[in-house]
Protein backbone atom coordinates (compact mmCIF):
# COMPACT_ATOMS: atom_id res chain seq x y z
CA MET A 1 79.83 103.57 85.18
CA LYS A 2 83.54 102.88 85.59
CA LYS A 3 84.46 100.57 88.43
CA THR A 4 87.69 101.42 90.23
CA ARG A 5 89.87 98.88 91.92
CA LYS A 6 89.90 98.92 95.72
CA ARG A 7 93.28 99.78 97.19
CA TYR A 8 94.38 98.60 100.60
CA SER A 9 96.91 100.32 102.84
CA ALA A 10 100.20 98.65 103.71
CA GLU A 11 99.14 98.59 107.37
CA PHE A 12 95.92 96.75 106.52
CA LYS A 13 97.76 94.22 104.35
CA ALA A 14 100.35 93.64 107.09
CA LYS A 15 97.65 93.15 109.71
CA VAL A 16 95.74 90.64 107.59
CA ALA A 17 98.94 88.84 106.54
CA MET A 18 100.00 88.48 110.19
CA GLU A 19 96.61 86.99 111.03
CA ALA A 20 97.07 84.54 108.14
CA ILE A 21 100.57 83.63 109.32
CA ARG A 22 99.30 83.00 112.85
CA GLY A 23 96.89 80.46 111.37
CA GLU A 24 94.15 80.93 113.96
CA LEU A 25 91.58 81.39 111.17
CA THR A 26 91.47 79.87 107.68
CA LEU A 27 91.98 82.09 104.65
CA ALA A 28 88.26 81.80 103.92
CA GLU A 29 87.39 82.95 107.43
CA LEU A 30 89.84 85.85 107.18
CA ALA A 31 88.36 86.77 103.79
CA ALA A 32 84.87 86.91 105.28
CA LYS A 33 86.09 88.84 108.32
CA HIS A 34 87.91 91.54 106.33
CA GLY A 35 85.90 91.53 103.10
CA VAL A 36 88.89 90.60 100.94
CA HIS A 37 89.22 87.67 98.51
CA HIS A 38 91.14 84.74 99.99
CA THR A 39 93.65 84.63 97.12
CA MET A 40 94.67 88.22 97.91
CA ILE A 41 95.24 87.26 101.53
CA GLY A 42 97.31 84.28 100.41
CA GLY A 43 99.43 86.58 98.25
CA TRP A 44 99.93 89.06 101.07
CA LYS A 45 100.93 86.21 103.38
CA ARG A 46 103.46 84.95 100.81
CA GLN A 47 104.88 88.48 100.35
CA ALA A 48 105.20 88.89 104.11
CA VAL A 49 107.01 85.59 104.57
CA ASP A 50 109.30 86.24 101.58
CA GLY A 51 110.04 89.76 102.80
CA MET A 52 110.99 88.71 106.31
CA ALA A 53 114.46 87.59 105.23
CA SER A 54 115.25 91.14 104.08
CA LEU A 55 114.60 92.38 107.61
CA PHE A 56 117.61 90.44 108.84
CA ASP A 57 120.11 91.11 106.03
CA GLY A 58 121.07 94.48 107.47
CA GLY A 59 119.25 96.44 104.80
CA GLU A 60 121.98 95.72 102.24
CA GLN A 61 119.49 95.20 99.41
CA ALA A 62 117.63 98.42 100.16
CA SER A 63 120.81 100.48 100.34
CA LYS A 64 122.11 98.86 97.13
CA THR A 65 118.90 99.81 95.33
CA GLU A 66 119.08 103.36 96.69
CA THR A 67 122.73 103.65 95.62
CA GLU A 68 121.94 102.43 92.11
CA ALA A 69 119.07 104.91 91.85
CA GLU A 70 121.32 107.74 93.02
CA ILE A 71 124.00 106.79 90.47
CA GLU A 72 121.41 106.72 87.70
CA LYS A 73 120.16 110.16 88.73
CA LEU A 74 123.70 111.55 88.75
CA HIS A 75 124.46 110.12 85.30
CA ALA A 76 121.32 111.80 83.97
CA LYS A 77 122.41 115.12 85.49
CA ILE A 78 125.89 114.77 83.96
CA GLY A 79 124.32 114.16 80.56
CA GLN A 80 122.10 117.21 80.93
CA LEU A 81 125.05 119.41 81.92
CA LEU A 82 127.12 118.19 78.96
CA VAL A 83 124.31 119.02 76.55
CA GLU A 84 123.92 122.48 78.10
CA ARG A 85 127.68 123.11 77.93
CA ASP A 86 127.84 122.08 74.27
CA PHE A 87 124.83 124.24 73.44
CA LEU A 88 126.30 127.29 75.18
CA ALA A 89 129.70 126.75 73.54
CA LYS A 90 128.06 126.70 70.08
CA ALA A 91 125.88 129.72 70.88
CA SER A 92 128.81 131.82 72.15
CA GLY A 93 130.92 130.92 69.09
CA ARG A 94 128.55 132.74 66.72
């Protein structure tokens, strides 16, 4: 029988990470409360703390990533159109 990995929603991770950041319970207590290994909670907490800085940078990093993705998509489309144009030019020349 194949065992599949349990996946947790972003909302659940955020909730547990916030509890860990508050520090009212230890990681072990949070692990027992939510049924998640304490190292996962520690990782979620670290991700939450590291990600907080991006909330205050005005979204520059997110928009930069989106812009780069859009440029990459447009370059791919240009390449596709060039190949189609060359193919049609050769086909019509026969």
